[in-house]
Amino acid sequence: MVSEMEKVPISRLTEAGKSSANDVVVREFALTIVLNNQELVTLLCSPKNLDYLAVGFLSSEGLLKNKNDIKKITIDDRRGVVRVETEAENKQAGELLFKRLITSGCGRGASFYSAADVGGQMKVESQVRISPLEVFELVTEFQHRSQIFRTTGGVHSAALCDAKNILVFSEDIG
C-alpha cells in the first residue's frame, strides 16, 4: 500500500523572508476503475480504501444497485487499478457514465456531467433519528479522527454514523 503522506522540500515565505524546509503533504494517487473489463474512469484520490471508493463511485453512478451485484473486486495498487466484476454485464456503462458538455465562453471549454445526475437516484429510507446533542458529539469525534487533515490541511473527510458512533471514517484528497 502506498503511503497517504510524503515529505517534500518547500520554500516557505514569511515576513522574515524565504527559507527552505521539508513539509508533509498528502499524496495524490491516480485510480482507474474497470467494470466488467470496461475501463470507465480515472479518479485522483488518496491511496487508501480503493475498493470502497470504486464501489461507492459505481453505486452513485447507478451502475451497482446493491452489494449482491458484486461478484469480485481486484485491487492492483501498484498499477492504480480496481477491477469490479458483476453478475450482470452492463454494456452501456461507458456510454452512460459521462457525457461531454461544451461550455460557453471565450475558451470553449469541455466539461463532463454524469448521466446519473439526471437519472433515478436511490431514496434512502431510515428510521434513525439523531438529536442535536448527538450530532455535536459525533462532530467532535469526527474532528479528532482527521489526523491527515491536521497534518497536511489537504484532505476532506467523510463518515457514516448511527446515533451514537462513527461506523466508517475516511479521508481523501480535497
C-alpha atoms as a PDB file:
ATOM      1  CA  MET A   1       0.000   0.000   0.000  1.00  0.00           C
ATOM      2  CA  VAL A   2       1.248   3.462  -0.928  1.00  0.00           C
ATOM      3  CA  SER A   3       1.638   5.954   1.927  1.00  0.00           C
ATOM      4  CA  GLU A   4      -1.028   8.653   2.197  1.00  0.00           C
ATOM      5  CA  MET A   5       1.508  11.377   3.014  1.00  0.00           C
ATOM      6  CA  GLU A   6       5.029  12.268   1.947  1.00  0.00           C
ATOM      7  CA  LYS A   7       7.710  14.779   2.908  1.00  0.00           C
ATOM      8  CA  VAL A   8       8.706  17.228   0.198  1.00  0.00           C
ATOM      9  CA  PRO A   9      11.134  20.143   0.107  1.00  0.00           C
ATOM     10  CA  ILE A  10       9.375  23.508   0.094  1.00  0.00           C
ATOM     11  CA  SER A  11      10.215  27.194   0.107  1.00  0.00           C
ATOM     12  CA  ARG A  12       8.480  28.968   2.960  1.00  0.00           C
ATOM     13  CA  LEU A  13       7.848  32.712   2.677  1.00  0.00           C
ATOM     14  CA  THR A  14       7.264  34.733   5.836  1.00  0.00           C
ATOM     15  CA  GLU A  15       7.705  38.350   6.858  1.00  0.00           C
ATOM     16  CA  ALA A  16      11.257  37.402   7.841  1.00  0.00           C
ATOM     17  CA  GLY A  17      11.993  36.191   4.309  1.00  0.00           C
ATOM     18  CA  LYS A  18      12.376  32.968   2.398  1.00  0.00           C
ATOM     19  CA  SER A  19      13.576  29.709   3.941  1.00  0.00           C
ATOM     20  CA  SER A  20      13.854  26.105   2.806  1.00  0.00           C
ATOM     21  CA  ALA A  21      12.184  23.328   4.761  1.00  0.00           C
ATOM     22  CA  ASN A  22      10.597  19.920   4.461  1.00  0.00           C
ATOM     23  CA  ASP A  23       6.837  19.702   4.813  1.00  0.00           C
ATOM     24  CA  VAL A  24       4.352  16.855   4.872  1.00  0.00           C
ATOM     25  CA  VAL A  25       1.801  16.865   2.055  1.00  0.00           C
ATOM     26  CA  VAL A  26      -0.967  14.491   1.088  1.00  0.00           C
ATOM     27  CA  ARG A  27      -0.115  12.065  -1.705  1.00  0.00           C
ATOM     28  CA  GLU A  28      -2.255  12.096  -4.860  1.00  0.00           C
ATOM     29  CA  PHE A  29      -2.998   8.744  -6.487  1.00  0.00           C
ATOM     30  CA  ALA A  30      -4.497   8.053  -9.939  1.00  0.00           C
ATOM     31  CA  LEU A  31      -7.049   5.220  -9.746  1.00  0.00           C
ATOM     32  CA  THR A  32      -8.628   3.656 -12.825  1.00  0.00           C
ATOM     33  CA  ILE A  33     -11.932   1.867 -12.254  1.00  0.00           C
ATOM     34  CA  VAL A  34     -12.671  -1.061 -14.566  1.00  0.00           C
ATOM     35  CA  LEU A  35     -16.171  -2.575 -14.560  1.00  0.00           C
ATOM     36  CA  ASN A  36     -16.547  -5.979 -16.244  1.00  0.00           C
ATOM     37  CA  ASN A  37     -13.335  -5.418 -18.250  1.00  0.00           C
ATOM     38  CA  GLN A  38     -14.509  -1.981 -19.421  1.00  0.00           C
ATOM     39  CA  GLU A  39     -12.353   0.953 -18.317  1.00  0.00           C
ATOM     40  CA  LEU A  40     -14.730   3.633 -17.068  1.00  0.00           C
ATOM     41  CA  VAL A  41     -12.849   6.446 -15.401  1.00  0.00           C
ATOM     42  CA  THR A  42      -9.609   7.521 -13.747  1.00  0.00           C
ATOM     43  CA  LEU A  43     -10.039   9.394 -10.472  1.00  0.00           C
ATOM     44  CA  LEU A  44      -7.460  11.316  -8.475  1.00  0.00           C
ATOM     45  CA  CYS A  45      -7.706  10.195  -4.875  1.00  0.00           C
ATOM     46  CA  SER A  46      -5.848   9.203  -1.732  1.00  0.00           C
ATOM     47  CA  PRO A  47      -4.190   5.767  -1.983  1.00  0.00           C
ATOM     48  CA  LYS A  48      -6.375   4.138   0.690  1.00  0.00           C
ATOM     49  CA  ASN A  49      -9.735   2.319   0.730  1.00  0.00           C
ATOM     50  CA  LEU A  50      -9.634   1.970  -3.045  1.00  0.00           C
ATOM     51  CA  ASP A  51     -12.273  -0.773  -3.012  1.00  0.00           C
ATOM     52  CA  TYR A  52     -14.679   1.445  -1.036  1.00  0.00           C
ATOM     53  CA  LEU A  53     -14.081   4.316  -3.455  1.00  0.00           C
ATOM     54  CA  ALA A  54     -14.684   2.138  -6.519  1.00  0.00           C
ATOM     55  CA  VAL A  55     -17.871   0.570  -5.154  1.00  0.00           C
ATOM     56  CA  GLY A  56     -19.171   3.924  -3.899  1.00  0.00           C
ATOM     57  CA  PHE A  57     -18.453   5.540  -7.254  1.00  0.00           C
ATOM     58  CA  LEU A  58     -20.174   2.762  -9.208  1.00  0.00           C
ATOM     59  CA  SER A  59     -23.156   2.865  -6.845  1.00  0.00           C
ATOM     60  CA  SER A  60     -23.528   6.632  -7.052  1.00  0.00           C
ATOM     61  CA  GLU A  61     -23.387   6.423 -10.852  1.00  0.00           C
ATOM     62  CA  GLY A  62     -26.225   3.886 -10.832  1.00  0.00           C
ATOM     63  CA  LEU A  63     -24.064   1.034 -12.138  1.00  0.00           C
ATOM     64  CA  LEU A  64     -24.451  -1.055  -8.966  1.00  0.00           C
ATOM     65  CA  LYS A  65     -27.851  -1.457  -7.362  1.00  0.00           C
ATOM     66  CA  ASN A  66     -26.796  -3.410  -4.261  1.00  0.00           C
ATOM     67  CA  LYS A  67     -23.857  -5.326  -2.791  1.00  0.00           C
ATOM     68  CA  ASN A  68     -25.128  -8.599  -4.248  1.00  0.00           C
ATOM     69  CA  ASP A  69     -24.383  -7.249  -7.750  1.00  0.00           C
ATOM     70  CA  ILE A  70     -20.649  -7.570  -6.990  1.00  0.00           C
ATOM     71  CA  LYS A  71     -19.038 -10.877  -7.915  1.00  0.00           C
ATOM     72  CA  LYS A  72     -15.367  -9.933  -7.406  1.00  0.00           C
ATOM     73  CA  ILE A  73     -13.154  -6.918  -6.650  1.00  0.00           C
ATOM     74  CA  THR A  74      -9.451  -6.975  -7.546  1.00  0.00           C
ATOM     75  CA  ILE A  75      -7.108  -4.181  -6.461  1.00  0.00           C
ATOM     76  CA  ASP A  76      -3.742  -3.538  -8.121  1.00  0.00           C
ATOM     77  CA  ASP A  77      -2.467  -0.556  -6.142  1.00  0.00           C
ATOM     78  CA  ARG A  78       0.928  -0.754  -7.873  1.00  0.00           C
ATOM     79  CA  ARG A  79      -0.737  -0.011 -11.232  1.00  0.00           C
ATOM     80  CA  GLY A  80      -3.577   2.056  -9.771  1.00  0.00           C
ATOM     81  CA  VAL A  81      -6.428  -0.145 -10.994  1.00  0.00           C
ATOM     82  CA  VAL A  82      -9.535  -1.533  -9.302  1.00  0.00           C
ATOM     83  CA  ARG A  83     -11.395  -4.180 -11.289  1.00  0.00           C
ATOM     84  CA  VAL A  84     -15.006  -4.875 -10.354  1.00  0.00           C
ATOM     85  CA  GLU A  85     -16.838  -7.854 -11.791  1.00  0.00           C
ATOM     86  CA  THR A  86     -20.607  -8.032 -11.509  1.00  0.00           C
ATOM     87  CA  GLU A  87     -23.179 -10.744 -12.069  1.00  0.00           C
ATOM     88  CA  ALA A  88     -24.770  -8.872 -14.977  1.00  0.00           C
ATOM     89  CA  GLU A  89     -22.891  -7.266 -17.829  1.00  0.00           C
ATOM     90  CA  ASN A  90     -23.521  -3.542 -18.131  1.00  0.00           C
ATOM     91  CA  LYS A  91     -22.820  -2.919 -21.798  1.00  0.00           C
ATOM     92  CA  GLN A  92     -23.879   0.725 -21.652  1.00  0.00           C
ATOM     93  CA  ALA A  93     -21.735   1.636 -18.643  1.00  0.00           C
ATOM     94  CA  GLY A  94     -19.128   3.564 -20.610  1.00  0.00           C
ATOM     95  CA  GLU A  95     -21.732   5.306 -22.739  1.00  0.00           C
ATOM     96  CA  LEU A  96     -23.934   6.299 -19.811  1.00  0.00           C
ATOM     97  CA  LEU A  97     -21.286   7.240 -17.287  1.00  0.00           C
ATOM     98  CA  PHE A  98     -20.184  10.617 -18.600  1.00  0.00           C
ATOM     99  CA  LYS A  99     -21.417  12.788 -21.416  1.00  0.00           C
ATOM    100  CA  ARG A 100     -19.358  15.620 -22.824  1.00  0.00           C
ATOM    101  CA  LEU A 101     -20.708  19.128 -22.377  1.00  0.00           C
ATOM    102  CA  ILE A 102     -19.295  22.044 -24.363  1.00  0.00           C
ATOM    103  CA  THR A 103     -19.326  25.135 -22.210  1.00  0.00           C
ATOM    104  CA  SER A 104     -19.965  28.664 -23.411  1.00  0.00           C
ATOM    105  CA  GLY A 105     -17.427  31.422 -23.158  1.00  0.00           C
ATOM    106  CA  CYS A 106     -14.270  32.547 -24.883  1.00  0.00           C
ATOM    107  CA  GLY A 107     -12.289  29.431 -24.009  1.00  0.00           C
ATOM    108  CA  ARG A 108     -14.922  26.987 -25.273  1.00  0.00           C
ATOM    109  CA  GLY A 109     -14.068  24.532 -22.550  1.00  0.00           C
ATOM    110  CA  ALA A 110     -15.148  20.939 -22.317  1.00  0.00           C
ATOM    111  CA  SER A 111     -16.701  19.567 -19.192  1.00  0.00           C
ATOM    112  CA  PHE A 112     -18.398  16.314 -18.325  1.00  0.00           C
ATOM    113  CA  TYR A 113     -21.599  15.577 -16.482  1.00  0.00           C
ATOM    114  CA  SER A 114     -22.825  12.322 -15.087  1.00  0.00           C
ATOM    115  CA  ALA A 115     -25.819  10.570 -16.598  1.00  0.00           C
ATOM    116  CA  ALA A 116     -26.732   9.548 -13.029  1.00  0.00           C
ATOM    117  CA  ASP A 117     -27.313  13.228 -12.223  1.00  0.00           C
ATOM    118  CA  VAL A 118     -30.412  13.177 -14.422  1.00  0.00           C
ATOM    119  CA  GLY A 119     -31.444   9.573 -13.748  1.00  0.00           C
ATOM    120  CA  GLY A 120     -33.264   7.808 -10.978  1.00  0.00           C
ATOM    121  CA  GLN A 121     -31.369   8.021  -7.717  1.00  0.00           C
ATOM    122  CA  MET A 122     -31.964   5.690  -4.813  1.00  0.00           C
ATOM    123  CA  LYS A 123     -34.046   7.113  -2.000  1.00  0.00           C
ATOM    124  CA  VAL A 124     -32.609   6.478   1.440  1.00  0.00           C
ATOM    125  CA  GLU A 125     -35.174   5.217   3.890  1.00  0.00           C
ATOM    126  CA  SER A 126     -34.198   5.054   7.550  1.00  0.00           C
ATOM    127  CA  GLN A 127     -35.719   5.090  10.995  1.00  0.00           C
ATOM    128  CA  VAL A 128     -32.538   6.555  12.523  1.00  0.00           C
ATOM    129  CA  ARG A 129     -33.127   9.767  14.444  1.00  0.00           C
ATOM    130  CA  ILE A 130     -30.259  11.791  15.876  1.00  0.00           C
ATOM    131  CA  SER A 131     -30.673  14.590  18.395  1.00  0.00           C
ATOM    132  CA  PRO A 132     -28.769  17.883  18.040  1.00  0.00           C
ATOM    133  CA  LEU A 133     -26.597  16.927  21.043  1.00  0.00           C
ATOM    134  CA  GLU A 134     -25.695  13.602  19.409  1.00  0.00           C
ATOM    135  CA  VAL A 135     -24.774  15.456  16.211  1.00  0.00           C
ATOM    136  CA  PHE A 136     -22.372  17.718  18.128  1.00  0.00           C
ATOM    137  CA  GLU A 137     -20.833  14.712  19.907  1.00  0.00           C
ATOM    138  CA  LEU A 138     -20.335  12.909  16.588  1.00  0.00           C
ATOM    139  CA  VAL A 139     -18.800  16.033  15.025  1.00  0.00           C
ATOM    140  CA  THR A 140     -16.339  16.300  17.927  1.00  0.00           C
ATOM    141  CA  GLU A 141     -15.308  12.660  17.450  1.00  0.00           C
ATOM    142  CA  PHE A 142     -15.121  13.253  13.673  1.00  0.00           C
ATOM    143  CA  GLN A 143     -12.726  16.185  14.113  1.00  0.00           C
ATOM    144  CA  HIS A 144     -10.448  14.157  16.380  1.00  0.00           C
ATOM    145  CA  ARG A 145     -10.181  11.422  13.752  1.00  0.00           C
ATOM    146  CA  SER A 146      -8.996  13.777  10.988  1.00  0.00           C
ATOM    147  CA  GLN A 147      -5.274  13.123  11.506  1.00  0.00           C
ATOM    148  CA  ILE A 148      -4.201  13.595   7.881  1.00  0.00           C
ATOM    149  CA  PHE A 149      -6.106  16.888   7.694  1.00  0.00           C
ATOM    150  CA  ARG A 150      -4.432  18.143  10.879  1.00  0.00           C
ATOM    151  CA  THR A 151      -1.033  17.177   9.455  1.00  0.00           C
ATOM    152  CA  THR A 152      -1.425  18.422   5.868  1.00  0.00           C
ATOM    153  CA  GLY A 153      -4.606  20.501   5.550  1.00  0.00           C
ATOM    154  CA  GLY A 154      -5.052  18.838   2.159  1.00  0.00           C
ATOM    155  CA  VAL A 155      -7.890  16.349   2.605  1.00  0.00           C
ATOM    156  CA  HIS A 156     -11.585  16.257   3.281  1.00  0.00           C
ATOM    157  CA  SER A 157     -13.229  13.656   5.470  1.00  0.00           C
ATOM    158  CA  ALA A 158     -16.459  11.682   5.425  1.00  0.00           C
ATOM    159  CA  ALA A 159     -18.141   9.343   7.876  1.00  0.00           C
ATOM    160  CA  LEU A 160     -21.122   7.067   8.255  1.00  0.00           C
ATOM    161  CA  CYS A 161     -22.685   7.102  11.706  1.00  0.00           C
ATOM    162  CA  ASP A 162     -25.519   5.709  13.712  1.00  0.00           C
ATOM    163  CA  ALA A 163     -26.996   7.773  16.543  1.00  0.00           C
ATOM    164  CA  LYS A 164     -24.059   7.080  18.874  1.00  0.00           C
ATOM    165  CA  ASN A 165     -20.943   6.070  16.936  1.00  0.00           C
ATOM    166  CA  ILE A 166     -18.916   6.692  13.810  1.00  0.00           C
ATOM    167  CA  LEU A 167     -19.119   3.394  11.949  1.00  0.00           C
ATOM    168  CA  VAL A 168     -16.867   4.209   8.972  1.00  0.00           C
ATOM    169  CA  PHE A 169     -14.438   7.126   8.613  1.00  0.00           C
ATOM    170  CA  SER A 170     -12.313   8.048   5.611  1.00  0.00           C
ATOM    171  CA  GLU A 171     -10.138  10.909   4.397  1.00  0.00           C
ATOM    172  CA  ASP A 172      -9.460  11.719   0.733  1.00  0.00           C
ATOM    173  CA  ILE A 173      -7.596  14.408  -1.172  1.00  0.00           C
ATOM    174  CA  GLY A 174      -9.530  17.630  -1.383  1.00  0.00           C
END
